Amino acid sequence: METPALTLAFAVMLPLMAYVILSDLRTMKIPNWAVLAAFGVFLVTGLWGLPFDVYLWRIFHAVIALLAGFVLFSVAGGSIGAGDLKLIAAITPFVPGSAVTGVLLIFALSAIGLIVFHQIARRVVRVRETGWKSLDQTVYLPAGVALGLTIVLFLGLDLSTRVA
């Protein structure tokens, strides 16, 4: 993506993903409007900063990711959050094929950080009701935290390599 479009994408995605992270921590839900907004950011910045054929292919990748997410949700019996799967589809077009390995590494590190942070937070609050659903239950992790962090880190690192 061209640097001005990438700069705009990063500037908008940073607060949007901060909201997604907080929402997922507090309610274990990612609002549909936030997922659509993330995809909308790509629609605008991608059209501006990518060749049109690449832009269309990236939208196609998002559709494939969404369909794969629906299949995964059905197979997993709902043990994977639908909001997480929709968010994956919404942020997929930001990632060029050449960067998938790096993004998966960022996601793995973000997920490990999430697990460590979440386990420490659960130990600290123990049995108290916190009002944060992710801490009050012990079964699921808010994967939107790792996903939001992943896309923001990826966009930020991509931008920093171009500006530096």
N, C-alpha and C. Protein backbone atom coordinates (compact mmCIF):
# COMPACT_ATOMS: atom_id res chain seq x y z
N MET A 1 0.86 -1.17 0.00
CA MET A 1 0.00 0.00 0.00
C MET A 1 0.90 1.23 0.00
N GLU A 2 0.51 2.24 -0.74
CA GLU A 2 1.27 3.49 -0.79
C GLU A 2 1.35 4.11 0.61
N THR A 3 2.43 4.81 0.89
CA THR A 3 2.67 5.34 2.24
C THR A 3 1.56 6.28 2.74
N PRO A 4 1.03 7.23 1.95
CA PRO A 4 -0.04 8.09 2.48
C PRO A 4 -1.29 7.29 2.86
N ALA A 5 -1.66 6.30 2.04
CA ALA A 5 -2.82 5.48 2.35
C ALA A 5 -2.57 4.62 3.57
N LEU A 6 -1.36 4.09 3.69
CA LEU A 6 -0.99 3.28 4.85
C LEU A 6 -1.00 4.13 6.12
N THR A 7 -0.54 5.36 6.01
CA THR A 7 -0.56 6.28 7.16
C THR A 7 -1.99 6.51 7.64
N LEU A 8 -2.90 6.76 6.71
CA LEU A 8 -4.30 6.95 7.06
C LEU A 8 -4.89 5.67 7.66
N ALA A 9 -4.59 4.53 7.06
CA ALA A 9 -5.11 3.26 7.57
C ALA A 9 -4.65 3.05 9.01
N PHE A 10 -3.37 3.28 9.27
CA PHE A 10 -2.84 3.11 10.62
C PHE A 10 -3.49 4.08 11.60
N ALA A 11 -3.63 5.33 11.18
CA ALA A 11 -4.21 6.36 12.06
C ALA A 11 -5.65 6.05 12.43
N VAL A 12 -6.40 5.45 11.54
CA VAL A 12 -7.80 5.12 11.84
C VAL A 12 -7.90 3.78 12.56
N MET A 13 -7.08 2.82 12.17
CA MET A 13 -7.17 1.49 12.77
C MET A 13 -6.69 1.47 14.23
N LEU A 14 -5.75 2.33 14.58
CA LEU A 14 -5.23 2.35 15.95
C LEU A 14 -6.34 2.57 16.98
N PRO A 15 -7.12 3.66 16.90
CA PRO A 15 -8.18 3.82 17.90
C PRO A 15 -9.32 2.81 17.71
N LEU A 16 -9.59 2.41 16.48
CA LEU A 16 -10.65 1.43 16.24
C LEU A 16 -10.29 0.09 16.88
N MET A 17 -9.07 -0.36 16.72
CA MET A 17 -8.66 -1.63 17.33
C MET A 17 -8.52 -1.50 18.85
N ALA A 18 -8.20 -0.32 19.34
CA ALA A 18 -8.20 -0.12 20.80
C ALA A 18 -9.61 -0.32 21.33
N TYR A 19 -10.60 0.19 20.62
CA TYR A 19 -11.99 -0.02 21.03
C TYR A 19 -12.36 -1.51 20.96
N VAL A 20 -11.95 -2.18 19.88
CA VAL A 20 -12.24 -3.61 19.73
C VAL A 20 -11.63 -4.39 20.89
N ILE A 21 -10.39 -4.08 21.23
CA ILE A 21 -9.71 -4.78 22.33
C ILE A 21 -10.45 -4.57 23.65
N LEU A 22 -10.79 -3.33 23.95
CA LEU A 22 -11.50 -3.05 25.20
C LEU A 22 -12.88 -3.71 25.22
N SER A 23 -13.56 -3.67 24.10
CA SER A 23 -14.88 -4.29 24.02
C SER A 23 -14.78 -5.79 24.23
N ASP A 24 -13.80 -6.42 23.61
CA ASP A 24 -13.65 -7.86 23.76
C ASP A 24 -13.25 -8.24 25.18
N LEU A 25 -12.41 -7.43 25.81
CA LEU A 25 -12.05 -7.70 27.20
C LEU A 25 -13.25 -7.53 28.14
N ARG A 26 -14.02 -6.48 27.91
CA ARG A 26 -15.14 -6.17 28.81
C ARG A 26 -16.35 -7.07 28.58
N THR A 27 -16.72 -7.32 27.32
CA THR A 27 -17.99 -8.01 27.04
C THR A 27 -17.83 -9.35 26.33
N MET A 28 -16.60 -9.66 25.89
CA MET A 28 -16.34 -10.86 25.08
C MET A 28 -17.14 -10.82 23.78
N LYS A 29 -17.36 -9.61 23.27
CA LYS A 29 -18.04 -9.42 21.99
C LYS A 29 -17.32 -8.32 21.21
N ILE A 30 -17.30 -8.50 19.90
CA ILE A 30 -16.77 -7.48 19.01
C ILE A 30 -17.96 -6.97 18.21
N PRO A 31 -18.32 -5.71 18.37
CA PRO A 31 -19.50 -5.19 17.67
C PRO A 31 -19.35 -5.27 16.15
N ASN A 32 -20.45 -5.61 15.49
CA ASN A 32 -20.44 -5.69 14.03
C ASN A 32 -20.04 -4.37 13.39
N TRP A 33 -20.46 -3.24 13.99
CA TRP A 33 -20.12 -1.96 13.40
C TRP A 33 -18.60 -1.75 13.38
N ALA A 34 -17.91 -2.28 14.40
CA ALA A 34 -16.45 -2.12 14.45
C ALA A 34 -15.78 -2.97 13.38
N VAL A 35 -16.32 -4.17 13.16
CA VAL A 35 -15.79 -5.04 12.10
C VAL A 35 -16.02 -4.39 10.73
N LEU A 36 -17.23 -3.89 10.52
CA LEU A 36 -17.54 -3.22 9.25
C LEU A 36 -16.69 -1.96 9.07
N ALA A 37 -16.44 -1.25 10.15
CA ALA A 37 -15.60 -0.05 10.07
C ALA A 37 -14.17 -0.43 9.67
N ALA A 38 -13.65 -1.51 10.24
CA ALA A 38 -12.30 -1.96 9.88
C ALA A 38 -12.23 -2.31 8.40
N PHE A 39 -13.25 -3.02 7.91
CA PHE A 39 -13.28 -3.35 6.49
C PHE A 39 -13.45 -2.08 5.65
N GLY A 40 -14.24 -1.16 6.13
CA GLY A 40 -14.43 0.12 5.44
C GLY A 40 -13.14 0.89 5.32
N VAL A 41 -12.31 0.84 6.36
CA VAL A 41 -11.00 1.51 6.30
C VAL A 41 -10.19 0.92 5.15
N PHE A 42 -10.24 -0.40 5.01
CA PHE A 42 -9.51 -0.99 3.88
C PHE A 42 -10.12 -0.55 2.55
N LEU A 43 -11.44 -0.56 2.46
CA LEU A 43 -12.08 -0.20 1.20
C LEU A 43 -11.64 1.18 0.72
N VAL A 44 -11.53 2.12 1.66
CA VAL A 44 -11.13 3.48 1.30
C VAL A 44 -9.63 3.57 1.04
N THR A 45 -8.83 3.11 1.99
CA THR A 45 -7.37 3.27 1.86
C THR A 45 -6.80 2.34 0.79
N GLY A 46 -7.38 1.16 0.64
CA GLY A 46 -6.91 0.24 -0.39
C GLY A 46 -7.18 0.77 -1.78
N LEU A 47 -8.34 1.35 -1.98
CA LEU A 47 -8.68 1.92 -3.28
C LEU A 47 -7.72 3.06 -3.63
N TRP A 48 -7.33 3.79 -2.59
CA TRP A 48 -6.42 4.92 -2.77
C TRP A 48 -4.97 4.45 -2.95
N GLY A 49 -4.56 3.42 -2.21
CA GLY A 49 -3.14 3.10 -2.14
C GLY A 49 -2.69 1.83 -2.83
N LEU A 50 -3.60 1.12 -3.50
CA LEU A 50 -3.22 -0.12 -4.17
C LEU A 50 -3.61 -0.08 -5.65
N PRO A 51 -2.87 -0.81 -6.48
CA PRO A 51 -3.35 -0.98 -7.86
C PRO A 51 -4.72 -1.68 -7.82
N PHE A 52 -5.58 -1.35 -8.75
CA PHE A 52 -6.96 -1.83 -8.70
C PHE A 52 -7.07 -3.35 -8.71
N ASP A 53 -6.23 -4.04 -9.48
CA ASP A 53 -6.31 -5.50 -9.51
C ASP A 53 -5.91 -6.10 -8.16
N VAL A 54 -4.89 -5.54 -7.52
CA VAL A 54 -4.47 -6.01 -6.20
C VAL A 54 -5.58 -5.74 -5.19
N TYR A 55 -6.19 -4.58 -5.27
CA TYR A 55 -7.31 -4.20 -4.41
C TYR A 55 -8.44 -5.23 -4.50
N LEU A 56 -8.81 -5.60 -5.70
CA LEU A 56 -9.89 -6.58 -5.89
C LEU A 56 -9.51 -7.96 -5.35
N TRP A 57 -8.25 -8.37 -5.57
CA TRP A 57 -7.81 -9.65 -5.03
C TRP A 57 -7.86 -9.66 -3.51
N ARG A 58 -7.49 -8.56 -2.90
CA ARG A 58 -7.50 -8.50 -1.43
C ARG A 58 -8.93 -8.57 -0.90
N ILE A 59 -9.87 -7.96 -1.60
CA ILE A 59 -11.28 -8.07 -1.20
C ILE A 59 -11.73 -9.53 -1.35
N PHE A 60 -11.31 -10.17 -2.42
CA PHE A 60 -11.62 -11.59 -2.62
C PHE A 60 -11.06 -12.43 -1.47
N HIS A 61 -9.85 -12.12 -1.01
CA HIS A 61 -9.26 -12.84 0.13
C HIS A 61 -10.10 -12.65 1.39
N ALA A 62 -10.65 -11.46 1.57
CA ALA A 62 -11.52 -11.21 2.72
C ALA A 62 -12.77 -12.07 2.65
N VAL A 63 -13.35 -12.19 1.46
CA VAL A 63 -14.54 -13.03 1.28
C VAL A 63 -14.21 -14.49 1.59
N ILE A 64 -13.07 -14.96 1.09
CA ILE A 64 -12.64 -16.34 1.37
C ILE A 64 -12.44 -16.53 2.88
N ALA A 65 -11.81 -15.57 3.54
CA ALA A 65 -11.60 -15.66 4.99
C ALA A 65 -12.93 -15.69 5.73
N LEU A 66 -13.90 -14.91 5.28
CA LEU A 66 -15.22 -14.90 5.92
C LEU A 66 -15.92 -16.25 5.74
N LEU A 67 -15.87 -16.78 4.54
CA LEU A 67 -16.49 -18.09 4.30
C LEU A 67 -15.79 -19.19 5.10
N ALA A 68 -14.47 -19.16 5.13
CA ALA A 68 -13.73 -20.14 5.94
C ALA A 68 -14.08 -19.99 7.42
N GLY A 69 -14.27 -18.75 7.86
CA GLY A 69 -14.66 -18.51 9.25
C GLY A 69 -16.02 -19.09 9.57
N PHE A 70 -16.97 -18.96 8.65
CA PHE A 70 -18.30 -19.54 8.87
C PHE A 70 -18.20 -21.07 8.97
N VAL A 71 -17.39 -21.67 8.12
CA VAL A 71 -17.20 -23.13 8.17
C VAL A 71 -16.55 -23.51 9.49
N LEU A 72 -15.51 -22.80 9.88
CA LEU A 72 -14.82 -23.09 11.13
C LEU A 72 -15.75 -22.94 12.33
N PHE A 73 -16.57 -21.90 12.31
CA PHE A 73 -17.52 -21.67 13.39
C PHE A 73 -18.49 -22.85 13.49
N SER A 74 -18.96 -23.33 12.35
CA SER A 74 -19.90 -24.46 12.33
C SER A 74 -19.24 -25.74 12.82
N VAL A 75 -18.03 -25.99 12.37
CA VAL A 75 -17.31 -27.20 12.75
C VAL A 75 -16.93 -27.17 14.23
N ALA A 76 -16.53 -25.99 14.71
CA ALA A 76 -16.08 -25.86 16.10
C ALA A 76 -17.23 -25.80 17.08
N GLY A 77 -18.44 -25.79 16.59
CA GLY A 77 -19.60 -25.78 17.48
C GLY A 77 -19.72 -24.51 18.29
N GLY A 78 -19.25 -23.41 17.76
CA GLY A 78 -19.40 -22.14 18.46
C GLY A 78 -18.34 -21.87 19.51
N SER A 79 -17.31 -22.72 19.60
CA SER A 79 -16.28 -22.48 20.62
C SER A 79 -15.28 -21.40 20.18
N ILE A 80 -15.41 -20.95 18.95
CA ILE A 80 -14.63 -19.82 18.44
C ILE A 80 -15.61 -18.68 18.23
N GLY A 81 -15.26 -17.51 18.69
CA GLY A 81 -16.17 -16.37 18.59
C GLY A 81 -16.43 -15.94 17.16
N ALA A 82 -17.68 -15.73 16.84
CA ALA A 82 -18.05 -15.27 15.49
C ALA A 82 -17.47 -13.89 15.23
N GLY A 83 -17.42 -13.04 16.24
CA GLY A 83 -16.84 -11.71 16.07
C GLY A 83 -15.36 -11.79 15.73
N ASP A 84 -14.66 -12.72 16.35
CA ASP A 84 -13.24 -12.91 16.05
C ASP A 84 -13.06 -13.33 14.60
N LEU A 85 -13.89 -14.25 14.14
CA LEU A 85 -13.79 -14.73 12.76
C LEU A 85 -14.15 -13.62 11.76
N LYS A 86 -15.15 -12.81 12.10
CA LYS A 86 -15.50 -11.70 11.22
C LYS A 86 -14.38 -10.66 11.20
N LEU A 87 -13.76 -10.44 12.35
CA LEU A 87 -12.65 -9.49 12.40
C LEU A 87 -11.47 -9.98 11.56
N ILE A 88 -11.20 -11.26 11.61
CA ILE A 88 -10.13 -11.82 10.77
C ILE A 88 -10.41 -11.50 9.30
N ALA A 89 -11.65 -11.72 8.88
CA ALA A 89 -12.00 -11.43 7.48
C ALA A 89 -11.85 -9.94 7.17
N ALA A 90 -12.20 -9.09 8.12
CA ALA A 90 -12.15 -7.64 7.89
C ALA A 90 -10.72 -7.12 7.80
N ILE A 91 -9.79 -7.73 8.53
CA ILE A 91 -8.41 -7.23 8.52
C ILE A 91 -7.52 -7.98 7.51
N THR A 92 -8.01 -9.09 6.99
CA THR A 92 -7.24 -9.87 6.01
C THR A 92 -6.76 -9.03 4.82
N PRO A 93 -7.59 -8.17 4.24
CA PRO A 93 -7.10 -7.46 3.04
C PRO A 93 -5.96 -6.47 3.30
N PHE A 94 -5.69 -6.13 4.53
CA PHE A 94 -4.57 -5.24 4.82
C PHE A 94 -3.23 -5.94 4.64
N VAL A 95 -3.25 -7.27 4.62
CA VAL A 95 -2.02 -8.05 4.64
C VAL A 95 -1.71 -8.60 3.24
N PRO A 96 -0.59 -8.17 2.66
CA PRO A 96 -0.20 -8.75 1.36
C PRO A 96 0.27 -10.19 1.56
N GLY A 97 0.15 -10.98 0.53
CA GLY A 97 0.55 -12.39 0.61
C GLY A 97 1.98 -12.57 1.07
N SER A 98 2.85 -11.65 0.68
CA SER A 98 4.27 -11.75 1.06
C SER A 98 4.51 -11.54 2.55
N ALA A 99 3.52 -11.00 3.25
CA ALA A 99 3.69 -10.68 4.68
C ALA A 99 2.93 -11.63 5.60
N VAL A 100 2.30 -12.66 5.05
CA VAL A 100 1.47 -13.54 5.86
C VAL A 100 2.28 -14.21 6.97
N THR A 101 3.48 -14.69 6.66
CA THR A 101 4.31 -15.35 7.67
C THR A 101 4.64 -14.39 8.80
N GLY A 102 5.01 -13.18 8.47
CA GLY A 102 5.32 -12.18 9.50
C GLY A 102 4.11 -11.85 10.35
N VAL A 103 2.94 -11.74 9.72
CA VAL A 103 1.71 -11.45 10.46
C VAL A 103 1.35 -12.62 11.38
N LEU A 104 1.54 -13.83 10.91
CA LEU A 104 1.27 -14.99 11.78
C LEU A 104 2.22 -15.01 12.97
N LEU A 105 3.46 -14.59 12.77
CA LEU A 105 4.42 -14.49 13.88
C LEU A 105 3.97 -13.41 14.87
N ILE A 106 3.57 -12.27 14.36
CA ILE A 106 3.06 -11.19 15.24
C ILE A 106 1.84 -11.70 15.99
N PHE A 107 0.94 -12.41 15.31
CA PHE A 107 -0.25 -12.94 15.98
C PHE A 107 0.14 -13.94 17.06
N ALA A 108 1.07 -14.83 16.77
CA ALA A 108 1.49 -15.82 17.76
C ALA A 108 2.06 -15.14 19.00
N LEU A 109 2.90 -14.14 18.80
CA LEU A 109 3.46 -13.41 19.94
C LEU A 109 2.38 -12.63 20.70
N SER A 110 1.44 -12.05 19.96
CA SER A 110 0.33 -11.33 20.60
C SER A 110 -0.54 -12.30 21.40
N ALA A 111 -0.78 -13.48 20.85
CA ALA A 111 -1.60 -14.48 21.55
C ALA A 111 -0.91 -14.98 22.81
N ILE A 112 0.39 -15.19 22.72
CA ILE A 112 1.15 -15.61 23.92
C ILE A 112 1.09 -14.51 24.97
N GLY A 113 1.29 -13.26 24.54
CA GLY A 113 1.18 -12.13 25.47
C GLY A 113 -0.20 -12.05 26.09
N LEU A 114 -1.24 -12.27 25.29
CA LEU A 114 -2.61 -12.27 25.79
C LEU A 114 -2.80 -13.35 26.85
N ILE A 115 -2.33 -14.54 26.58
CA ILE A 115 -2.49 -15.64 27.54
C ILE A 115 -1.79 -15.32 28.85
N VAL A 116 -0.56 -14.84 28.77
CA VAL A 116 0.19 -14.50 29.99
C VAL A 116 -0.51 -13.38 30.75
N PHE A 117 -0.84 -12.29 30.06
CA PHE A 117 -1.52 -11.16 30.69
C PHE A 117 -2.84 -11.61 31.32
N HIS A 118 -3.61 -12.40 30.59
CA HIS A 118 -4.92 -12.80 31.05
C HIS A 118 -4.83 -13.72 32.26
N GLN A 119 -3.88 -14.62 32.26
CA GLN A 119 -3.72 -15.52 33.40
C GLN A 119 -3.27 -14.75 34.66
N ILE A 120 -2.38 -13.80 34.46
CA ILE A 120 -1.95 -12.97 35.60
C ILE A 120 -3.13 -12.15 36.11
N ALA A 121 -3.89 -11.54 35.22
CA ALA A 121 -5.05 -10.74 35.63
C ALA A 121 -6.08 -11.60 36.36
N ARG A 122 -6.30 -12.80 35.89
CA ARG A 122 -7.26 -13.69 36.57
C ARG A 122 -6.77 -14.05 37.97
N ARG A 123 -5.48 -14.26 38.12
CA ARG A 123 -4.92 -14.60 39.44
C ARG A 123 -5.05 -13.41 40.40
N VAL A 124 -4.86 -12.22 39.87
CA VAL A 124 -4.92 -11.02 40.70
C VAL A 124 -6.34 -10.79 41.20
N VAL A 125 -7.34 -10.95 40.33
CA VAL A 125 -8.71 -10.66 40.76
C VAL A 125 -9.37 -11.84 41.45
N ARG A 126 -8.84 -13.03 41.23
CA ARG A 126 -9.36 -14.26 41.84
C ARG A 126 -10.86 -14.39 41.69
N VAL A 127 -11.58 -14.36 42.81
CA VAL A 127 -13.00 -14.69 42.80
C VAL A 127 -13.90 -13.46 42.69
N ARG A 128 -13.34 -12.28 42.80
CA ARG A 128 -14.16 -11.07 42.75
C ARG A 128 -14.82 -10.91 41.39
N GLU A 129 -16.00 -10.32 41.40
CA GLU A 129 -16.66 -9.93 40.16
C GLU A 129 -16.02 -8.63 39.70
N THR A 130 -15.55 -8.60 38.49
CA THR A 130 -14.85 -7.41 38.00
C THR A 130 -15.71 -6.56 37.07
N GLY A 131 -16.74 -7.16 36.49
CA GLY A 131 -17.51 -6.47 35.48
C GLY A 131 -16.90 -6.62 34.09
N TRP A 132 -15.75 -7.28 34.03
CA TRP A 132 -15.09 -7.57 32.76
C TRP A 132 -15.31 -9.05 32.49
N LYS A 133 -16.16 -9.32 31.52
CA LYS A 133 -16.58 -10.70 31.27
C LYS A 133 -15.39 -11.63 31.01
N SER A 134 -14.36 -11.13 30.35
CA SER A 134 -13.21 -11.99 30.05
C SER A 134 -12.49 -12.45 31.32
N LEU A 135 -12.57 -11.66 32.38
CA LEU A 135 -11.93 -12.04 33.64
C LEU A 135 -12.87 -12.81 34.56
N ASP A 136 -14.17 -12.60 34.39
CA ASP A 136 -15.14 -13.24 35.28
C ASP A 136 -15.44 -14.68 34.88
N GLN A 137 -15.09 -15.08 33.68
CA GLN A 137 -15.27 -16.47 33.27
C GLN A 137 -13.89 -17.07 33.03
N THR A 138 -13.80 -18.37 33.00
CA THR A 138 -12.48 -19.00 32.87
C THR A 138 -12.35 -19.89 31.64
N VAL A 139 -13.35 -19.88 30.77
CA VAL A 139 -13.34 -20.82 29.65
C VAL A 139 -12.69 -20.23 28.40
N TYR A 140 -13.05 -19.01 28.03
CA TYR A 140 -12.63 -18.45 26.76
C TYR A 140 -11.66 -17.28 26.94
N LEU A 141 -10.83 -17.10 25.94
CA LEU A 141 -9.95 -15.94 25.88
C LEU A 141 -10.49 -14.96 24.84
N PRO A 142 -10.35 -13.67 25.08
CA PRO A 142 -10.82 -12.68 24.10
C PRO A 142 -9.81 -12.54 22.95
N ALA A 143 -9.98 -13.36 21.93
CA ALA A 143 -9.02 -13.39 20.82
C ALA A 143 -8.97 -12.07 20.05
N GLY A 144 -10.01 -11.26 20.16
CA GLY A 144 -10.00 -9.95 19.51
C GLY A 144 -8.85 -9.09 20.00
N VAL A 145 -8.38 -9.34 21.21
CA VAL A 145 -7.24 -8.60 21.76
C VAL A 145 -6.00 -8.88 20.90
N ALA A 146 -5.72 -10.15 20.69
CA ALA A 146 -4.54 -10.53 19.90
C ALA A 146 -4.70 -10.11 18.44
N LEU A 147 -5.92 -10.23 17.91
CA LEU A 147 -6.16 -9.85 16.51
C LEU A 147 -5.99 -8.33 16.31
N GLY A 148 -6.58 -7.54 17.21
CA GLY A 148 -6.46 -6.09 17.11
C GLY A 148 -5.02 -5.64 17.25
N LEU A 149 -4.33 -6.24 18.20
CA LEU A 149 -2.92 -5.90 18.41
C LEU A 149 -2.09 -6.29 17.19
N THR A 150 -2.40 -7.43 16.61
CA THR A 150 -1.66 -7.91 15.44
C THR A 150 -1.75 -6.94 14.27
N ILE A 151 -2.96 -6.50 13.93
CA ILE A 151 -3.09 -5.64 12.75
C ILE A 151 -2.49 -4.27 13.00
N VAL A 152 -2.62 -3.76 14.22
CA VAL A 152 -2.03 -2.45 14.54
C VAL A 152 -0.50 -2.55 14.50
N LEU A 153 0.06 -3.61 15.07
CA LEU A 153 1.51 -3.77 15.03
C LEU A 153 2.01 -3.95 13.60
N PHE A 154 1.29 -4.75 12.82
CA PHE A 154 1.69 -4.95 11.43
C PHE A 154 1.68 -3.64 10.64
N LEU A 155 0.58 -2.91 10.72
CA LEU A 155 0.49 -1.64 10.00
C LEU A 155 1.54 -0.66 10.49
N GLY A 156 1.74 -0.60 11.80
CA GLY A 156 2.74 0.30 12.37
C GLY A 156 4.15 -0.05 11.95
N LEU A 157 4.47 -1.35 11.96
CA LEU A 157 5.81 -1.77 11.53
C LEU A 157 6.02 -1.52 10.04
N ASP A 158 5.00 -1.79 9.25
CA ASP A 158 5.07 -1.53 7.81
C ASP A 158 5.30 -0.04 7.56
N LEU A 159 4.56 0.78 8.25
CA LEU A 159 4.70 2.23 8.11
C LEU A 159 6.08 2.70 8.57
N SER A 160 6.56 2.18 9.69
CA SER A 160 7.84 2.62 10.23
C SER A 160 9.01 2.26 9.30
N THR A 161 8.90 1.13 8.60
CA THR A 161 9.97 0.76 7.67
C THR A 161 10.00 1.67 6.44
N ARG A 162 8.86 2.25 6.11
CA ARG A 162 8.81 3.14 4.94
C ARG A 162 9.26 4.54 5.30
N VAL A 163 8.96 4.97 6.51
CA VAL A 163 9.28 6.33 6.93
C VAL A 163 10.75 6.45 7.34
N ALA A 164 11.28 5.39 7.93
CA ALA A 164 12.65 5.43 8.45
C ALA A 164 13.70 5.49 7.38
